[in-house]
Amino acid sequence: MPAEVLFSGVSTASLASAQPWYESLFGRPPEVIVNAGEVMWQVCDGGWLYLVENSTHAGHALVAVAVSDLDHALEGLALRGIDRPAVETLSGVGRKAPIVDPEGNTITFIQVDEATT
């Protein structure tokens, strides 16, 4: 089953409250406004994150975004007002930096060691 595009969903209790935080996270407004309760960012060529208003599921998302230079990515986040998270080194695998949004959803930025790719 070859896939071409991956959509990752993050539920929020209030899109109006959560969207500005995600605009800071990605450094831009969403590329797509689906409707009054859902917006989408294209994170990479074949990957999208959608933020959807759904209070029942809010605060439980786990998303990982792989970047080639974790330090550079974290510097950009800090410049946009996102607190710099602690970076964890995973021996033989790479490094990761989890960021928790105001509702408890976790967006983890990862840098995979070249030897493991």
N, C-alpha and C. Protein backbone atom coordinates (compact mmCIF):
# COMPACT_ATOMS: atom_id res chain seq x y z
N MET A 1 0.84 -1.18 0.00
CA MET A 1 0.00 0.00 0.00
C MET A 1 0.89 1.25 0.00
N PRO A 2 1.39 1.66 -1.13
CA PRO A 2 2.18 2.89 -1.18
C PRO A 2 1.28 4.11 -0.95
N ALA A 3 1.77 4.99 -0.10
CA ALA A 3 1.02 6.22 0.19
C ALA A 3 1.73 7.41 -0.45
N GLU A 4 0.98 8.43 -0.78
CA GLU A 4 1.55 9.63 -1.38
C GLU A 4 1.46 10.84 -0.47
N VAL A 5 0.45 10.84 0.39
CA VAL A 5 0.25 11.98 1.28
C VAL A 5 -0.20 11.46 2.64
N LEU A 6 0.30 12.12 3.71
CA LEU A 6 -0.12 11.78 5.07
C LEU A 6 -0.75 13.01 5.70
N PHE A 7 -1.93 12.85 6.26
CA PHE A 7 -2.59 13.91 7.00
C PHE A 7 -2.57 13.51 8.47
N SER A 8 -2.09 14.40 9.33
CA SER A 8 -2.05 14.15 10.76
C SER A 8 -2.99 15.15 11.43
N GLY A 9 -3.93 14.65 12.22
CA GLY A 9 -4.93 15.51 12.83
C GLY A 9 -4.65 15.83 14.28
N VAL A 10 -4.91 17.08 14.65
CA VAL A 10 -4.79 17.54 16.03
C VAL A 10 -6.11 18.16 16.41
N SER A 11 -6.74 17.61 17.44
CA SER A 11 -8.01 18.15 17.91
C SER A 11 -7.81 19.24 18.93
N THR A 12 -8.69 20.23 18.89
CA THR A 12 -8.64 21.34 19.82
C THR A 12 -10.05 21.64 20.31
N ALA A 13 -10.15 22.14 21.51
CA ALA A 13 -11.46 22.52 22.04
C ALA A 13 -11.95 23.80 21.38
N SER A 14 -11.02 24.67 20.98
CA SER A 14 -11.38 25.94 20.35
C SER A 14 -10.39 26.28 19.26
N LEU A 15 -10.84 26.22 18.02
CA LEU A 15 -9.97 26.55 16.90
C LEU A 15 -9.50 28.00 16.99
N ALA A 16 -10.38 28.89 17.39
CA ALA A 16 -10.02 30.31 17.50
C ALA A 16 -8.88 30.53 18.49
N SER A 17 -8.85 29.76 19.57
CA SER A 17 -7.78 29.90 20.56
C SER A 17 -6.50 29.19 20.13
N ALA A 18 -6.62 28.04 19.48
CA ALA A 18 -5.45 27.22 19.14
C ALA A 18 -4.75 27.69 17.87
N GLN A 19 -5.48 28.21 16.92
CA GLN A 19 -4.88 28.54 15.63
C GLN A 19 -3.71 29.52 15.73
N PRO A 20 -3.76 30.58 16.54
CA PRO A 20 -2.60 31.48 16.63
C PRO A 20 -1.34 30.77 17.13
N TRP A 21 -1.47 29.82 18.04
CA TRP A 21 -0.30 29.08 18.52
C TRP A 21 0.32 28.27 17.38
N TYR A 22 -0.50 27.61 16.59
CA TYR A 22 0.00 26.82 15.47
C TYR A 22 0.55 27.71 14.36
N GLU A 23 0.01 28.90 14.19
CA GLU A 23 0.58 29.85 13.24
C GLU A 23 1.98 30.25 13.68
N SER A 24 2.20 30.40 14.98
CA SER A 24 3.54 30.67 15.49
C SER A 24 4.44 29.46 15.31
N LEU A 25 3.91 28.27 15.57
CA LEU A 25 4.69 27.04 15.43
C LEU A 25 5.23 26.90 14.00
N PHE A 26 4.37 27.11 13.02
CA PHE A 26 4.76 26.93 11.62
C PHE A 26 5.25 28.22 10.95
N GLY A 27 5.09 29.34 11.62
CA GLY A 27 5.58 30.59 11.08
C GLY A 27 4.74 31.18 9.97
N ARG A 28 3.49 30.75 9.90
CA ARG A 28 2.61 31.24 8.84
C ARG A 28 1.17 30.81 9.12
N PRO A 29 0.23 31.47 8.46
CA PRO A 29 -1.16 31.03 8.59
C PRO A 29 -1.37 29.71 7.85
N PRO A 30 -2.47 29.04 8.09
CA PRO A 30 -2.73 27.77 7.40
C PRO A 30 -2.85 27.97 5.89
N GLU A 31 -2.44 26.95 5.14
CA GLU A 31 -2.59 26.99 3.68
C GLU A 31 -4.04 26.79 3.26
N VAL A 32 -4.78 26.01 4.04
CA VAL A 32 -6.15 25.68 3.67
C VAL A 32 -7.07 25.94 4.85
N ILE A 33 -8.15 26.65 4.61
CA ILE A 33 -9.22 26.79 5.60
C ILE A 33 -10.36 25.91 5.08
N VAL A 34 -10.51 24.76 5.69
CA VAL A 34 -11.49 23.78 5.22
C VAL A 34 -12.90 24.28 5.49
N ASN A 35 -13.13 24.74 6.72
CA ASN A 35 -14.41 25.30 7.13
C ASN A 35 -14.19 26.04 8.44
N ALA A 36 -15.25 26.45 9.10
CA ALA A 36 -15.11 27.23 10.34
C ALA A 36 -14.46 26.45 11.48
N GLY A 37 -14.38 25.12 11.36
CA GLY A 37 -13.82 24.30 12.43
C GLY A 37 -12.59 23.51 12.06
N GLU A 38 -11.97 23.80 10.90
CA GLU A 38 -10.81 23.02 10.48
C GLU A 38 -9.91 23.82 9.55
N VAL A 39 -8.61 23.77 9.84
CA VAL A 39 -7.60 24.43 9.00
C VAL A 39 -6.43 23.46 8.81
N MET A 40 -5.61 23.72 7.75
CA MET A 40 -4.53 22.79 7.42
C MET A 40 -3.25 23.51 7.04
N TRP A 41 -2.12 22.94 7.49
CA TRP A 41 -0.79 23.41 7.10
C TRP A 41 -0.10 22.30 6.34
N GLN A 42 0.55 22.63 5.23
CA GLN A 42 1.40 21.67 4.55
C GLN A 42 2.77 21.77 5.21
N VAL A 43 3.17 20.70 5.89
CA VAL A 43 4.40 20.68 6.67
C VAL A 43 5.60 20.28 5.81
N CYS A 44 5.37 19.40 4.83
CA CYS A 44 6.40 18.98 3.88
C CYS A 44 5.67 18.53 2.61
N ASP A 45 6.42 18.09 1.60
CA ASP A 45 5.80 17.75 0.31
C ASP A 45 4.60 16.83 0.44
N GLY A 46 4.72 15.77 1.19
CA GLY A 46 3.63 14.81 1.30
C GLY A 46 2.99 14.75 2.67
N GLY A 47 3.16 15.80 3.48
CA GLY A 47 2.64 15.75 4.84
C GLY A 47 1.90 17.01 5.24
N TRP A 48 0.73 16.81 5.78
CA TRP A 48 -0.13 17.91 6.23
C TRP A 48 -0.51 17.70 7.69
N LEU A 49 -0.64 18.79 8.43
CA LEU A 49 -1.21 18.76 9.77
C LEU A 49 -2.52 19.53 9.70
N TYR A 50 -3.58 18.88 10.16
CA TYR A 50 -4.84 19.61 10.22
C TYR A 50 -5.26 19.79 11.67
N LEU A 51 -5.72 20.98 11.96
CA LEU A 51 -6.20 21.37 13.28
C LEU A 51 -7.72 21.42 13.19
N VAL A 52 -8.38 20.62 14.01
CA VAL A 52 -9.83 20.50 13.91
C VAL A 52 -10.47 20.72 15.29
N GLU A 53 -11.55 21.45 15.29
CA GLU A 53 -12.26 21.70 16.54
C GLU A 53 -13.06 20.45 16.91
N ASN A 54 -12.67 19.83 18.03
CA ASN A 54 -13.31 18.62 18.52
C ASN A 54 -12.93 18.48 19.99
N SER A 55 -13.74 19.03 20.86
CA SER A 55 -13.39 19.08 22.28
C SER A 55 -13.29 17.69 22.92
N THR A 56 -13.98 16.71 22.39
CA THR A 56 -13.92 15.35 22.94
C THR A 56 -12.52 14.77 22.84
N HIS A 57 -11.82 15.06 21.78
CA HIS A 57 -10.49 14.48 21.55
C HIS A 57 -9.35 15.46 21.81
N ALA A 58 -9.64 16.68 22.19
CA ALA A 58 -8.61 17.71 22.37
C ALA A 58 -7.57 17.30 23.41
N GLY A 59 -6.31 17.62 23.11
CA GLY A 59 -5.23 17.42 24.08
C GLY A 59 -4.57 16.06 24.05
N HIS A 60 -4.90 15.21 23.09
CA HIS A 60 -4.36 13.85 23.08
C HIS A 60 -3.51 13.52 21.87
N ALA A 61 -3.24 14.47 20.99
CA ALA A 61 -2.50 14.19 19.76
C ALA A 61 -1.01 14.02 20.03
N LEU A 62 -0.40 13.15 19.25
CA LEU A 62 1.05 12.95 19.23
C LEU A 62 1.48 13.05 17.77
N VAL A 63 2.29 14.05 17.46
CA VAL A 63 2.75 14.27 16.09
C VAL A 63 4.27 14.41 16.13
N ALA A 64 4.95 13.81 15.15
CA ALA A 64 6.40 13.98 15.02
C ALA A 64 6.71 14.59 13.67
N VAL A 65 7.60 15.58 13.68
CA VAL A 65 8.02 16.27 12.46
C VAL A 65 9.54 16.12 12.36
N ALA A 66 10.01 15.44 11.31
CA ALA A 66 11.45 15.25 11.13
C ALA A 66 12.04 16.46 10.41
N VAL A 67 13.14 16.95 10.94
CA VAL A 67 13.85 18.08 10.35
C VAL A 67 15.32 17.71 10.17
N SER A 68 15.99 18.36 9.24
CA SER A 68 17.40 18.03 9.00
C SER A 68 18.33 18.69 10.01
N ASP A 69 17.90 19.81 10.60
CA ASP A 69 18.73 20.53 11.57
C ASP A 69 17.85 20.96 12.74
N LEU A 70 17.86 20.16 13.78
CA LEU A 70 16.99 20.39 14.93
C LEU A 70 17.29 21.72 15.61
N ASP A 71 18.56 22.04 15.78
CA ASP A 71 18.92 23.29 16.45
C ASP A 71 18.39 24.50 15.69
N HIS A 72 18.52 24.47 14.37
CA HIS A 72 18.01 25.57 13.54
C HIS A 72 16.49 25.68 13.67
N ALA A 73 15.81 24.54 13.64
CA ALA A 73 14.35 24.54 13.77
C ALA A 73 13.92 25.13 15.11
N LEU A 74 14.63 24.77 16.18
CA LEU A 74 14.28 25.27 17.51
C LEU A 74 14.58 26.75 17.65
N GLU A 75 15.64 27.23 17.00
CA GLU A 75 15.93 28.66 17.00
C GLU A 75 14.79 29.43 16.33
N GLY A 76 14.29 28.91 15.22
CA GLY A 76 13.17 29.54 14.53
C GLY A 76 11.93 29.58 15.40
N LEU A 77 11.66 28.49 16.11
CA LEU A 77 10.51 28.46 17.01
C LEU A 77 10.65 29.52 18.10
N ALA A 78 11.83 29.63 18.67
CA ALA A 78 12.07 30.62 19.74
C ALA A 78 11.86 32.03 19.22
N LEU A 79 12.29 32.30 18.00
CA LEU A 79 12.09 33.62 17.40
C LEU A 79 10.61 33.94 17.21
N ARG A 80 9.79 32.90 17.07
CA ARG A 80 8.35 33.09 16.89
C ARG A 80 7.57 32.97 18.19
N GLY A 81 8.29 32.95 19.34
CA GLY A 81 7.63 32.98 20.63
C GLY A 81 7.27 31.63 21.22
N ILE A 82 7.73 30.54 20.62
CA ILE A 82 7.49 29.20 21.18
C ILE A 82 8.67 28.88 22.09
N ASP A 83 8.39 28.55 23.35
CA ASP A 83 9.45 28.22 24.30
C ASP A 83 10.31 27.07 23.78
N ARG A 84 11.62 27.23 23.89
CA ARG A 84 12.54 26.19 23.43
C ARG A 84 12.43 24.98 24.36
N PRO A 85 12.10 23.83 23.82
CA PRO A 85 11.97 22.64 24.66
C PRO A 85 13.33 22.02 24.96
N ALA A 86 13.35 21.12 25.93
CA ALA A 86 14.55 20.34 26.21
C ALA A 86 14.76 19.36 25.06
N VAL A 87 16.02 19.14 24.71
CA VAL A 87 16.36 18.21 23.64
C VAL A 87 16.88 16.93 24.27
N GLU A 88 16.33 15.83 23.82
CA GLU A 88 16.75 14.51 24.30
C GLU A 88 17.54 13.80 23.21
N THR A 89 18.70 13.26 23.57
CA THR A 89 19.51 12.49 22.63
C THR A 89 19.16 11.02 22.78
N LEU A 90 18.88 10.40 21.65
CA LEU A 90 18.56 8.97 21.62
C LEU A 90 19.75 8.26 20.98
N SER A 91 20.51 7.55 21.77
CA SER A 91 21.76 6.93 21.32
C SER A 91 21.56 6.10 20.06
N GLY A 92 22.32 6.44 19.03
CA GLY A 92 22.27 5.69 17.79
C GLY A 92 21.07 5.98 16.92
N VAL A 93 20.20 6.88 17.36
CA VAL A 93 18.98 7.17 16.60
C VAL A 93 18.93 8.64 16.18
N GLY A 94 19.13 9.54 17.12
CA GLY A 94 19.06 10.97 16.81
C GLY A 94 18.69 11.77 18.04
N ARG A 95 17.99 12.88 17.80
CA ARG A 95 17.58 13.76 18.90
C ARG A 95 16.12 14.15 18.68
N LYS A 96 15.46 14.46 19.81
CA LYS A 96 14.07 14.90 19.71
C LYS A 96 13.80 16.01 20.70
N ALA A 97 12.81 16.85 20.36
CA ALA A 97 12.43 17.97 21.21
C ALA A 97 10.91 18.09 21.20
N PRO A 98 10.24 17.56 22.23
CA PRO A 98 8.78 17.64 22.27
C PRO A 98 8.30 19.02 22.74
N ILE A 99 7.28 19.51 22.05
CA ILE A 99 6.65 20.78 22.40
C ILE A 99 5.18 20.48 22.67
N VAL A 100 4.68 20.99 23.76
CA VAL A 100 3.28 20.74 24.13
C VAL A 100 2.49 22.02 23.91
N ASP A 101 1.42 21.90 23.15
CA ASP A 101 0.58 23.08 22.90
C ASP A 101 -0.25 23.40 24.15
N PRO A 102 -0.94 24.53 24.18
CA PRO A 102 -1.69 24.92 25.38
C PRO A 102 -2.76 23.93 25.84
N GLU A 103 -3.18 23.00 24.96
CA GLU A 103 -4.20 22.02 25.35
C GLU A 103 -3.64 20.65 25.70
N GLY A 104 -2.32 20.47 25.54
CA GLY A 104 -1.72 19.19 25.89
C GLY A 104 -1.34 18.31 24.72
N ASN A 105 -1.60 18.73 23.48
CA ASN A 105 -1.15 17.98 22.31
C ASN A 105 0.36 18.11 22.20
N THR A 106 1.04 17.04 21.82
CA THR A 106 2.50 17.06 21.73
C THR A 106 2.94 17.01 20.27
N ILE A 107 3.73 18.01 19.90
CA ILE A 107 4.35 18.08 18.58
C ILE A 107 5.85 17.91 18.84
N THR A 108 6.43 16.82 18.37
CA THR A 108 7.84 16.55 18.61
C THR A 108 8.62 16.76 17.33
N PHE A 109 9.64 17.60 17.42
CA PHE A 109 10.56 17.79 16.31
C PHE A 109 11.71 16.82 16.51
N ILE A 110 12.05 16.08 15.46
CA ILE A 110 13.10 15.06 15.55
C ILE A 110 14.15 15.29 14.47
N GLN A 111 15.37 14.92 14.80
CA GLN A 111 16.46 14.88 13.83
C GLN A 111 17.04 13.49 13.91
N VAL A 112 16.94 12.75 12.82
CA VAL A 112 17.39 11.36 12.78
C VAL A 112 18.85 11.34 12.34
N ASP A 113 19.68 10.55 13.05
CA ASP A 113 21.08 10.40 12.68
C ASP A 113 21.18 9.84 11.27
N GLU A 114 22.15 10.32 10.51
CA GLU A 114 22.34 9.85 9.14
C GLU A 114 22.54 8.35 9.06
N ALA A 115 23.19 7.76 10.02
CA ALA A 115 23.48 6.33 9.99
C ALA A 115 22.21 5.48 10.07
N THR A 116 21.11 6.06 10.57
CA THR A 116 19.88 5.29 10.73
C THR A 116 18.92 5.51 9.57
N THR A 117 19.25 6.41 8.65
CA THR A 117 18.32 6.66 7.53
C THR A 117 18.72 5.88 6.30
